[in-house]
C-alpha atoms as a PDB file:
ATOM      1  CA  MET A   1     -10.369 148.622  56.624  1.00  0.00           C
ATOM      2  CA  GLY A   2     -13.649 147.021  57.743  1.00  0.00           C
ATOM      3  CA  GLN A   3     -14.777 146.998  54.123  1.00  0.00           C
ATOM      4  CA  SER A   4     -11.609 145.212  53.039  1.00  0.00           C
ATOM      5  CA  LEU A   5     -11.984 142.574  55.732  1.00  0.00           C
ATOM      6  CA  LEU A   6     -15.558 141.959  54.663  1.00  0.00           C
ATOM      7  CA  GLN A   7     -14.404 141.538  51.091  1.00  0.00           C
ATOM      8  CA  MET A   8     -11.597 139.220  52.188  1.00  0.00           C
ATOM      9  CA  ASN A   9     -14.079 137.188  54.212  1.00  0.00           C
ATOM     10  CA  THR A  10     -16.399 136.850  51.205  1.00  0.00           C
ATOM     11  CA  ILE A  11     -13.558 135.694  48.948  1.00  0.00           C
ATOM     12  CA  PHE A  12     -12.315 133.281  51.616  1.00  0.00           C
ATOM     13  CA  ILE A  13     -15.726 131.686  52.075  1.00  0.00           C
ATOM     14  CA  SER A  14     -16.310 131.399  48.334  1.00  0.00           C
ATOM     15  CA  ILE A  15     -12.923 129.678  47.867  1.00  0.00           C
ATOM     16  CA  ILE A  16     -13.783 127.187  50.618  1.00  0.00           C
ATOM     17  CA  ILE A  17     -17.304 126.515  49.337  1.00  0.00           C
ATOM     18  CA  GLU A  18     -16.034 126.082  45.787  1.00  0.00           C
ATOM     19  CA  ALA A  19     -13.315 123.667  46.822  1.00  0.00           C
ATOM     20  CA  LEU A  20     -15.188 121.556  49.376  1.00  0.00           C
ATOM     21  CA  PRO A  21     -17.219 119.304  47.080  1.00  0.00           C
ATOM     22  CA  PHE A  22     -14.095 118.536  45.046  1.00  0.00           C
ATOM     23  CA  ILE A  23     -12.030 117.860  48.136  1.00  0.00           C
ATOM     24  CA  VAL A  24     -14.693 115.475  49.383  1.00  0.00           C
ATOM     25  CA  LEU A  25     -14.560 113.744  45.997  1.00  0.00           C
ATOM     26  CA  GLY A  26     -10.755 113.684  46.092  1.00  0.00           C
ATOM     27  CA  VAL A  27     -10.503 112.162  49.568  1.00  0.00           C
ATOM     28  CA  LEU A  28     -13.189 109.612  48.719  1.00  0.00           C
ATOM     29  CA  ILE A  29     -11.406 108.494  45.551  1.00  0.00           C
ATOM     30  CA  SER A  30      -8.171 108.449  47.496  1.00  0.00           C
ATOM     31  CA  ALA A  31      -9.718 106.312  50.256  1.00  0.00           C
ATOM     32  CA  ILE A  32     -11.281 103.950  47.720  1.00  0.00           C
ATOM     33  CA  ILE A  33      -7.889 103.532  46.043  1.00  0.00           C
ATOM     34  CA  GLN A  34      -6.407 102.881  49.482  1.00  0.00           C
ATOM     35  CA  MET A  35      -8.910 100.131  50.305  1.00  0.00           C
ATOM     36  CA  PHE A  36      -9.727  98.539  46.948  1.00  0.00           C
ATOM     37  CA  VAL A  37      -6.814  99.103  44.589  1.00  0.00           C
ATOM     38  CA  THR A  38      -3.916  96.914  45.596  1.00  0.00           C
ATOM     39  CA  GLU A  39      -0.249  97.602  44.924  1.00  0.00           C
ATOM     40  CA  GLU A  40      -0.264  94.520  42.717  1.00  0.00           C
ATOM     41  CA  MET A  41      -3.056  95.806  40.479  1.00  0.00           C
ATOM     42  CA  ILE A  42      -1.341  99.076  39.718  1.00  0.00           C
ATOM     43  CA  ALA A  43       2.113  97.534  39.543  1.00  0.00           C
ATOM     44  CA  LYS A  44       0.732  94.974  37.081  1.00  0.00           C
ATOM     45  CA  VAL A  45      -0.753  97.517  34.663  1.00  0.00           C
ATOM     46  CA  MET A  46       2.102 100.018  35.054  1.00  0.00           C
ATOM     47  CA  PRO A  47       4.521  99.523  32.109  1.00  0.00           C
ATOM     48  CA  ALA A  48       8.131  98.802  33.108  1.00  0.00           C
ATOM     49  CA  ASN A  49       9.551 101.169  30.508  1.00  0.00           C
ATOM     50  CA  ARG A  50      10.280 104.617  31.935  1.00  0.00           C
ATOM     51  CA  PHE A  51       8.668 106.550  29.077  1.00  0.00           C
ATOM     52  CA  LEU A  52       5.671 104.260  28.752  1.00  0.00           C
ATOM     53  CA  SER A  53       4.987 104.457  32.460  1.00  0.00           C
ATOM     54  CA  ILE A  54       5.124 108.253  32.282  1.00  0.00           C
ATOM     55  CA  ALA A  55       2.675 108.195  29.374  1.00  0.00           C
ATOM     56  CA  PHE A  56       0.445 105.850  31.349  1.00  0.00           C
ATOM     57  CA  GLY A  57       0.607 108.097  34.419  1.00  0.00           C
ATOM     58  CA  THR A  58      -0.267 111.104  32.284  1.00  0.00           C
ATOM     59  CA  GLY A  59      -3.286 109.407  30.751  1.00  0.00           C
ATOM     60  CA  ILE A  60      -4.691 107.784  33.873  1.00  0.00           C
ATOM     61  CA  GLY A  61      -5.327 111.237  35.350  1.00  0.00           C
ATOM     62  CA  ALA A  62      -8.219 111.586  32.917  1.00  0.00           C
ATOM     63  CA  LEU A  63     -10.114 108.923  34.851  1.00  0.00           C
ATOM     64  CA  PHE A  64      -9.887 110.609  38.234  1.00  0.00           C
ATOM     65  CA  PRO A  65     -12.042 113.695  38.567  1.00  0.00           C
ATOM     66  CA  ALA A  66      -9.940 115.114  41.419  1.00  0.00           C
ATOM     67  CA  CYS A  67      -8.732 118.698  41.493  1.00  0.00           C
ATOM     68  CA  GLU A  68      -5.316 119.698  42.772  1.00  0.00           C
ATOM     69  CA  CYS A  69      -6.735 119.880  46.324  1.00  0.00           C
ATOM     70  CA  GLY A  70      -7.222 116.143  46.447  1.00  0.00           C
ATOM     71  CA  ILE A  71      -4.565 114.922  44.039  1.00  0.00           C
ATOM     72  CA  VAL A  72      -1.520 115.033  46.337  1.00  0.00           C
ATOM     73  CA  PRO A  73      -2.854 112.402  48.780  1.00  0.00           C
ATOM     74  CA  ILE A  74      -3.749 110.133  45.851  1.00  0.00           C
ATOM     75  CA  THR A  75      -0.249 110.582  44.413  1.00  0.00           C
ATOM     76  CA  GLU A  76       1.425 109.827  47.723  1.00  0.00           C
ATOM     77  CA  ARG A  77      -0.701 106.712  47.972  1.00  0.00           C
ATOM     78  CA  LEU A  78       0.381 105.570  44.494  1.00  0.00           C
ATOM     79  CA  VAL A  79       4.055 106.084  45.381  1.00  0.00           C
ATOM     80  CA  ARG A  80       3.446 103.999  48.488  1.00  0.00           C
ATOM     81  CA  LYS A  81       1.916 101.323  46.287  1.00  0.00           C
ATOM     82  CA  ASN A  82       5.234 101.090  44.405  1.00  0.00           C
ATOM     83  CA  VAL A  83       4.221 103.033  41.330  1.00  0.00           C
ATOM     84  CA  PRO A  84       7.435 104.646  39.995  1.00  0.00           C
ATOM     85  CA  LEU A  85       7.738 108.140  41.388  1.00  0.00           C
ATOM     86  CA  TYR A  86       7.984 109.834  37.981  1.00  0.00           C
ATOM     87  CA  ALA A  87       4.822 108.090  36.751  1.00  0.00           C
ATOM     88  CA  ALA A  88       2.972 109.151  39.907  1.00  0.00           C
ATOM     89  CA  ILE A  89       4.159 112.737  39.376  1.00  0.00           C
ATOM     90  CA  ALA A  90       2.967 112.693  35.749  1.00  0.00           C
ATOM     91  CA  PHE A  91      -0.416 111.654  37.136  1.00  0.00           C
ATOM     92  CA  MET A  92      -0.354 114.364  39.808  1.00  0.00           C
ATOM     93  CA  LEU A  93       0.355 117.119  37.280  1.00  0.00           C
ATOM     94  CA  THR A  94      -2.166 116.152  34.598  1.00  0.00           C
ATOM     95  CA  GLY A  95      -4.932 114.763  36.832  1.00  0.00           C
ATOM     96  CA  PRO A  96      -6.323 118.166  37.826  1.00  0.00           C
ATOM     97  CA  ILE A  97      -6.414 119.344  34.203  1.00  0.00           C
ATOM     98  CA  ILE A  98      -7.279 116.588  31.773  1.00  0.00           C
ATOM     99  CA  ASN A  99     -10.222 115.159  33.681  1.00  0.00           C
ATOM    100  CA  PRO A 100     -13.706 115.544  32.123  1.00  0.00           C
ATOM    101  CA  VAL A 101     -15.046 117.952  34.774  1.00  0.00           C
ATOM    102  CA  VAL A 102     -12.230 120.442  34.235  1.00  0.00           C
ATOM    103  CA  ILE A 103     -12.214 120.182  30.448  1.00  0.00           C
ATOM    104  CA  PHE A 104     -15.926 120.888  30.429  1.00  0.00           C
ATOM    105  CA  SER A 105     -15.698 123.819  32.852  1.00  0.00           C
ATOM    106  CA  THR A 106     -12.927 125.355  30.707  1.00  0.00           C
ATOM    107  CA  PHE A 107     -15.059 124.882  27.581  1.00  0.00           C
ATOM    108  CA  VAL A 108     -17.996 126.657  29.263  1.00  0.00           C
ATOM    109  CA  ALA A 109     -15.900 129.454  30.802  1.00  0.00           C
ATOM    110  CA  PHE A 110     -14.463 130.477  27.445  1.00  0.00           C
ATOM    111  CA  GLY A 111     -17.813 130.900  25.721  1.00  0.00           C
ATOM    112  CA  ASP A 112     -18.370 127.294  24.657  1.00  0.00           C
ATOM    113  CA  SER A 113     -15.147 127.225  22.675  1.00  0.00           C
ATOM    114  CA  TRP A 114     -12.863 124.194  22.579  1.00  0.00           C
ATOM    115  CA  LYS A 115      -9.755 126.222  21.768  1.00  0.00           C
ATOM    116  CA  MET A 116      -8.760 127.069  25.350  1.00  0.00           C
ATOM    117  CA  ALA A 117      -9.767 123.660  26.710  1.00  0.00           C
ATOM    118  CA  LEU A 118      -7.613 121.864  24.137  1.00  0.00           C
ATOM    119  CA  LEU A 119      -4.657 124.232  24.490  1.00  0.00           C
ATOM    120  CA  ARG A 120      -4.870 123.736  28.256  1.00  0.00           C
ATOM    121  CA  CYS A 121      -4.759 119.929  27.929  1.00  0.00           C
ATOM    122  CA  GLY A 122      -1.933 120.104  25.410  1.00  0.00           C
ATOM    123  CA  LEU A 123       0.270 122.352  27.547  1.00  0.00           C
ATOM    124  CA  ALA A 124      -0.517 120.277  30.639  1.00  0.00           C
ATOM    125  CA  ILE A 125       0.579 117.047  28.951  1.00  0.00           C
ATOM    126  CA  PHE A 126       3.696 118.709  27.501  1.00  0.00           C
ATOM    127  CA  THR A 127       4.702 120.075  30.922  1.00  0.00           C
ATOM    128  CA  ALA A 128       3.882 116.919  32.885  1.00  0.00           C
ATOM    129  CA  VAL A 129       5.718 114.567  30.536  1.00  0.00           C
ATOM    130  CA  LEU A 130       8.892 116.675  30.399  1.00  0.00           C
ATOM    131  CA  THR A 131       8.856 117.264  34.170  1.00  0.00           C
ATOM    132  CA  ALA A 132       8.377 113.559  34.882  1.00  0.00           C
ATOM    133  CA  ILE A 133      11.177 112.573  32.486  1.00  0.00           C
ATOM    134  CA  ALA A 134      13.535 115.088  34.124  1.00  0.00           C
ATOM    135  CA  ILE A 135      12.596 113.819  37.593  1.00  0.00           C
ATOM    136  CA  SER A 136      13.224 110.211  36.563  1.00  0.00           C
ATOM    137  CA  TYR A 137      16.840 111.170  35.803  1.00  0.00           C
ATOM    138  CA  LEU A 138      17.387 113.604  38.684  1.00  0.00           C
ATOM    139  CA  PHE A 139      16.026 111.710  41.658  1.00  0.00           C
ATOM    140  CA  ASN A 140      16.813 108.361  43.117  1.00  0.00           C
ATOM    141  CA  GLU A 141      13.547 106.512  43.426  1.00  0.00           C
ATOM    142  CA  ASN A 142      14.382 104.587  46.597  1.00  0.00           C
ATOM    143  CA  GLN A 143      15.525 107.527  48.588  1.00  0.00           C
ATOM    144  CA  LEU A 144      12.157 109.208  48.136  1.00  0.00           C
ATOM    145  CA  ARG A 145      10.150 106.090  48.717  1.00  0.00           C
ATOM    146  CA  GLU A 146      12.021 105.602  51.999  1.00  0.00           C
ATOM    147  CA  PHE A 147      11.024 109.116  52.985  1.00  0.00           C
ATOM    148  CA  VAL A 148       7.355 108.473  52.189  1.00  0.00           C
ATOM    149  CA  ASP A 149       7.416 105.150  54.071  1.00  0.00           C
ATOM    150  CA  GLN A 150       9.266 106.636  57.005  1.00  0.00           C
ATOM    151  CA  LYS A 151       6.510 109.174  57.356  1.00  0.00           C
ATOM    152  CA  LEU A 152       4.045 106.312  57.388  1.00  0.00           C
ATOM    153  CA  HIS A 153       5.765 104.538  60.286  1.00  0.00           C
ATOM    154  CA  HIS A 154       6.119 107.852  62.015  1.00  0.00           C
ATOM    155  CA  HIS A 155       2.325 108.196  61.979  1.00  0.00           C
ATOM    156  CA  GLY A 156       2.077 104.636  63.246  1.00  0.00           C
ATOM    157  CA  HIS A 157       0.031 103.156  60.394  1.00  0.00           C
ATOM    158  CA  HIS A 158       0.443  99.440  59.970  1.00  0.00           C
ATOM    159  CA  HIS A 159      -0.545  97.141  57.154  1.00  0.00           C
ATOM    160  CA  GLU A 160      -3.249  94.575  57.816  1.00  0.00           C
ATOM    161  CA  GLU A 161      -2.056  91.277  56.464  1.00  0.00           C
ATOM    162  CA  GLN A 162      -5.302  89.318  56.265  1.00  0.00           C
ATOM    163  CA  PRO A 163      -7.640  90.222  53.371  1.00  0.00           C
ATOM    164  CA  LEU A 164     -10.547  92.394  54.501  1.00  0.00           C
ATOM    165  CA  ARG A 165     -14.180  91.619  53.915  1.00  0.00           C
ATOM    166  CA  PHE A 166     -16.164  94.025  51.736  1.00  0.00           C
ATOM    167  CA  ARG A 167     -17.960  95.586  54.703  1.00  0.00           C
ATOM    168  CA  GLU A 168     -14.676  96.205  56.495  1.00  0.00           C
ATOM    169  CA  LYS A 169     -13.344  97.787  53.326  1.00  0.00           C
ATOM    170  CA  ILE A 170     -16.300 100.182  53.191  1.00  0.00           C
ATOM    171  CA  THR A 171     -15.801 101.264  56.818  1.00  0.00           C
ATOM    172  CA  GLY A 172     -12.099 101.564  55.998  1.00  0.00           C
ATOM    173  CA  VAL A 173     -12.913 103.879  53.100  1.00  0.00           C
ATOM    174  CA  ILE A 174     -15.026 106.074  55.371  1.00  0.00           C
ATOM    175  CA  ASP A 175     -12.349 106.200  58.092  1.00  0.00           C
ATOM    176  CA  HIS A 176      -9.612 107.042  55.617  1.00  0.00           C
ATOM    177  CA  ALA A 177     -11.720 109.660  53.876  1.00  0.00           C
ATOM    178  CA  ILE A 178     -12.504 111.415  57.143  1.00  0.00           C
ATOM    179  CA  ASP A 179      -8.853 111.427  58.266  1.00  0.00           C
ATOM    180  CA  GLU A 180      -7.714 112.644  54.892  1.00  0.00           C
ATOM    181  CA  PHE A 181     -10.447 115.278  54.744  1.00  0.00           C
ATOM    182  CA  PHE A 182      -9.206 116.915  57.921  1.00  0.00           C
ATOM    183  CA  SER A 183      -5.562 116.815  56.919  1.00  0.00           C
ATOM    184  CA  VAL A 184      -6.323 118.285  53.479  1.00  0.00           C
ATOM    185  CA  GLY A 185      -8.851 120.679  55.011  1.00  0.00           C
ATOM    186  CA  LYS A 186      -6.160 122.382  57.109  1.00  0.00           C
ATOM    187  CA  PHE A 187      -4.237 123.249  53.966  1.00  0.00           C
ATOM    188  CA  LEU A 188      -7.340 124.447  52.187  1.00  0.00           C
ATOM    189  CA  VAL A 189      -8.264 126.844  54.995  1.00  0.00           C
ATOM    190  CA  PHE A 190      -4.718 128.144  55.274  1.00  0.00           C
ATOM    191  CA  GLY A 191      -4.312 128.508  51.502  1.00  0.00           C
ATOM    192  CA  GLY A 192      -7.734 130.142  51.233  1.00  0.00           C
ATOM    193  CA  LEU A 193      -6.790 132.714  53.859  1.00  0.00           C
ATOM    194  CA  ILE A 194      -3.525 133.679  52.152  1.00  0.00           C
ATOM    195  CA  SER A 195      -5.241 133.767  48.790  1.00  0.00           C
ATOM    196  CA  SER A 196      -8.195 135.906  49.900  1.00  0.00           C
ATOM    197  CA  ALA A 197      -5.852 138.321  51.688  1.00  0.00           C
ATOM    198  CA  MET A 198      -3.768 138.682  48.524  1.00  0.00           C
ATOM    199  CA  GLN A 199      -6.800 139.234  46.337  1.00  0.00           C
ATOM    200  CA  THR A 200      -8.132 141.861  48.710  1.00  0.00           C
ATOM    201  CA  PHE A 201      -4.998 143.870  49.385  1.00  0.00           C
ATOM    202  CA  PHE A 202      -3.317 143.617  45.961  1.00  0.00           C
ATOM    203  CA  ARG A 203      -4.486 145.984  43.273  1.00  0.00           C
ATOM    204  CA  THR A 204      -5.078 144.679  39.769  1.00  0.00           C
ATOM    205  CA  SER A 205      -3.844 147.944  38.247  1.00  0.00           C
ATOM    206  CA  THR A 206      -0.368 147.318  39.704  1.00  0.00           C
ATOM    207  CA  LEU A 207      -0.348 143.952  37.963  1.00  0.00           C
ATOM    208  CA  LEU A 208      -1.327 145.417  34.609  1.00  0.00           C
ATOM    209  CA  GLN A 209       1.509 147.938  34.682  1.00  0.00           C
ATOM    210  CA  LEU A 210       3.930 145.088  35.276  1.00  0.00           C
ATOM    211  CA  GLY A 211       2.543 142.797  32.597  1.00  0.00           C
ATOM    212  CA  HIS A 212       3.037 144.811  29.434  1.00  0.00           C
ATOM    213  CA  THR A 213       5.329 142.375  27.581  1.00  0.00           C
ATOM    214  CA  LYS A 214       4.453 138.790  26.684  1.00  0.00           C
ATOM    215  CA  ALA A 215       7.050 137.306  29.052  1.00  0.00           C
ATOM    216  CA  THR A 216       6.134 139.480  32.038  1.00  0.00           C
ATOM    217  CA  ALA A 217       2.419 138.906  31.428  1.00  0.00           C
ATOM    218  CA  ILE A 218       3.029 135.133  31.521  1.00  0.00           C
ATOM    219  CA  LEU A 219       5.068 135.362  34.729  1.00  0.00           C
ATOM    220  CA  ILE A 220       2.498 137.593  36.417  1.00  0.00           C
ATOM    221  CA  MET A 221      -0.368 135.279  35.543  1.00  0.00           C
ATOM    222  CA  MET A 222       1.636 132.312  36.857  1.00  0.00           C
ATOM    223  CA  LEU A 223       2.250 134.155  40.113  1.00  0.00           C
ATOM    224  CA  LEU A 224      -1.412 135.106  40.314  1.00  0.00           C
ATOM    225  CA  ALA A 225      -2.493 131.518  39.745  1.00  0.00           C
ATOM    226  CA  PHE A 226      -0.160 130.379  42.511  1.00  0.00           C
ATOM    227  CA  ILE A 227      -1.433 132.982  44.969  1.00  0.00           C
ATOM    228  CA  MET A 228      -5.112 132.702  44.159  1.00  0.00           C
ATOM    229  CA  SER A 229      -5.030 128.923  44.535  1.00  0.00           C
ATOM    230  CA  ILE A 230      -8.396 128.333  42.895  1.00  0.00           C
ATOM    231  CA  CYS A 231      -9.482 124.750  42.319  1.00  0.00           C
ATOM    232  CA  SER A 232      -8.901 123.599  38.754  1.00  0.00           C
ATOM    233  CA  GLU A 233     -12.608 122.904  38.393  1.00  0.00           C
ATOM    234  CA  ALA A 234     -13.361 126.596  38.817  1.00  0.00           C
ATOM    235  CA  ASP A 235     -10.258 128.513  37.765  1.00  0.00           C
ATOM    236  CA  ALA A 236     -11.304 128.788  34.120  1.00  0.00           C
ATOM    237  CA  PHE A 237     -14.094 131.165  35.136  1.00  0.00           C
ATOM    238  CA  ILE A 238     -11.581 133.422  36.888  1.00  0.00           C
ATOM    239  CA  ALA A 239      -9.110 133.155  34.000  1.00  0.00           C
ATOM    240  CA  SER A 240     -11.694 134.173  31.417  1.00  0.00           C
ATOM    241  CA  SER A 241     -12.303 137.374  33.388  1.00  0.00           C
ATOM    242  CA  PHE A 242      -8.699 138.371  32.545  1.00  0.00           C
ATOM    243  CA  ASN A 243      -9.344 137.765  28.873  1.00  0.00           C
ATOM    244  CA  GLY A 244      -9.465 141.462  27.979  1.00  0.00           C
ATOM    245  CA  MET A 245      -6.269 142.322  29.841  1.00  0.00           C
ATOM    246  CA  PHE A 246      -3.880 139.568  28.846  1.00  0.00           C
ATOM    247  CA  GLY A 247      -3.336 137.500  25.721  1.00  0.00           C
ATOM    248  CA  THR A 248      -3.947 133.782  25.336  1.00  0.00           C
ATOM    249  CA  PRO A 249      -0.395 132.691  26.362  1.00  0.00           C
ATOM    250  CA  ALA A 250      -0.629 134.427  29.766  1.00  0.00           C
ATOM    251  CA  ILE A 251      -4.115 133.069  30.437  1.00  0.00           C
ATOM    252  CA  LEU A 252      -2.990 129.602  29.433  1.00  0.00           C
ATOM    253  CA  ALA A 253      -0.029 129.865  31.825  1.00  0.00           C
ATOM    254  CA  PHE A 254      -2.499 130.784  34.580  1.00  0.00           C
ATOM    255  CA  LEU A 255      -4.696 127.774  33.784  1.00  0.00           C
ATOM    256  CA  VAL A 256      -1.902 125.211  33.642  1.00  0.00           C
ATOM    257  CA  PHE A 257       0.510 126.443  36.285  1.00  0.00           C
ATOM    258  CA  GLY A 258      -2.212 127.141  38.860  1.00  0.00           C
ATOM    259  CA  ALA A 259      -3.600 123.639  38.559  1.00  0.00           C
ATOM    260  CA  MET A 260      -0.121 122.152  39.051  1.00  0.00           C
ATOM    261  CA  VAL A 261       1.283 124.438  41.724  1.00  0.00           C
ATOM    262  CA  ASP A 262      -0.603 126.672  44.105  1.00  0.00           C
ATOM    263  CA  ILE A 263      -0.382 127.544  47.792  1.00  0.00           C
ATOM    264  CA  LYS A 264      -2.718 124.736  48.865  1.00  0.00           C
ATOM    265  CA  ASN A 265      -0.989 121.919  47.057  1.00  0.00           C
ATOM    266  CA  LEU A 266       2.503 123.292  47.756  1.00  0.00           C
ATOM    267  CA  LEU A 267       1.792 122.873  51.468  1.00  0.00           C
ATOM    268  CA  MET A 268       0.479 119.375  50.838  1.00  0.00           C
ATOM    269  CA  MET A 269       3.473 118.422  48.683  1.00  0.00           C
ATOM    270  CA  LEU A 270       5.886 119.649  51.364  1.00  0.00           C
ATOM    271  CA  HIS A 271       3.980 117.482  53.801  1.00  0.00           C
ATOM    272  CA  SER A 272       4.189 114.425  51.512  1.00  0.00           C
ATOM    273  CA  PHE A 273       7.631 114.687  49.893  1.00  0.00           C
ATOM    274  CA  LYS A 274      11.139 115.999  50.581  1.00  0.00           C
ATOM    275  CA  LYS A 275      11.608 119.757  50.304  1.00  0.00           C
ATOM    276  CA  LYS A 276      14.454 119.469  47.804  1.00  0.00           C
ATOM    277  CA  PHE A 277      12.340 117.244  45.588  1.00  0.00           C
ATOM    278  CA  VAL A 278       9.294 119.555  45.744  1.00  0.00           C
ATOM    279  CA  PHE A 279      11.251 122.683  44.871  1.00  0.00           C
ATOM    280  CA  SER A 280      13.173 121.022  42.032  1.00  0.00           C
ATOM    281  CA  MET A 281       9.891 119.802  40.601  1.00  0.00           C
ATOM    282  CA  ILE A 282       8.315 123.265  40.829  1.00  0.00           C
ATOM    283  CA  GLY A 283      11.378 124.743  39.111  1.00  0.00           C
ATOM    284  CA  LEU A 284      10.906 122.319  36.225  1.00  0.00           C
ATOM    285  CA  ILE A 285       7.182 123.089  35.982  1.00  0.00           C
ATOM    286  CA  ILE A 286       7.864 126.850  35.866  1.00  0.00           C
ATOM    287  CA  LEU A 287      10.467 126.300  33.152  1.00  0.00           C
ATOM    288  CA  PHE A 288       8.218 124.183  30.924  1.00  0.00           C
ATOM    289  CA  VAL A 289       5.018 126.201  31.367  1.00  0.00           C
ATOM    290  CA  PHE A 290       6.925 129.421  30.692  1.00  0.00           C
ATOM    291  CA  THR A 291       8.721 128.171  27.570  1.00  0.00           C
ATOM    292  CA  GLY A 292       5.595 126.379  26.343  1.00  0.00           C
ATOM    293  CA  THR A 293       3.451 129.513  26.506  1.00  0.00           C
ATOM    294  CA  LEU A 294       6.225 131.768  25.220  1.00  0.00           C
ATOM    295  CA  ILE A 295       6.451 129.710  22.007  1.00  0.00           C
ATOM    296  CA  LEU A 296       2.678 130.020  21.439  1.00  0.00           C
END
């Protein structure tokens, strides 16, 4: 037992250490968006057309090197800034995958080969676009925005009307980043604990017996990705260690699903959005990742 706890502790600490720099980056970007990017700026560049705005949301994720730990707060902020919900969701789903840091880490993890990195981006865009389109038809925009705003008033934030000077903006960025860091940090610690416990007390051999067909292998790797909750910047290295056991489709499912839905960001999404919305969205993601990899 003592040995297992030591192992769990090691895994827990490594998850935290791995995720911290990216969380810091995520909350900083998020705070900078909060202070410097106005609703008007984003609303101005965001196309009015539903499909164009989804495409725009999908592509803009490439510019933000945030992993899924830090992407939920940024997404919530965009929704608050009147970006259409489905476009913000397209951003949330692709952001952790198609950014340069992640593409490069995937390239390196799979022996300097572009195949996995490109497949990962392709499946991510496929899944995000279809999920966002479905959401745009299923959910009433205003209802959700009211929920997000309500939460804001509940926390007692208020909008400053007068324009801030640059120095005030910088202090604002630091304040926001610190607040955000502690709220995201809670989820990271909690997710890390669950994940390290699972990795310690679950045997890999049990998984292999279950994953002998293509479909079950895909589902198992999706479950594993969810439980292990590794940051998208580092998950490729874990995924490539399964290379011998599972085929490309299952590993791809692990890489895409885990970066879109894991324990850490599920907790954050439930904190930011309505439960019904979060679970419908996850259902759609499971559907598209599963069918996408099954076709491969």
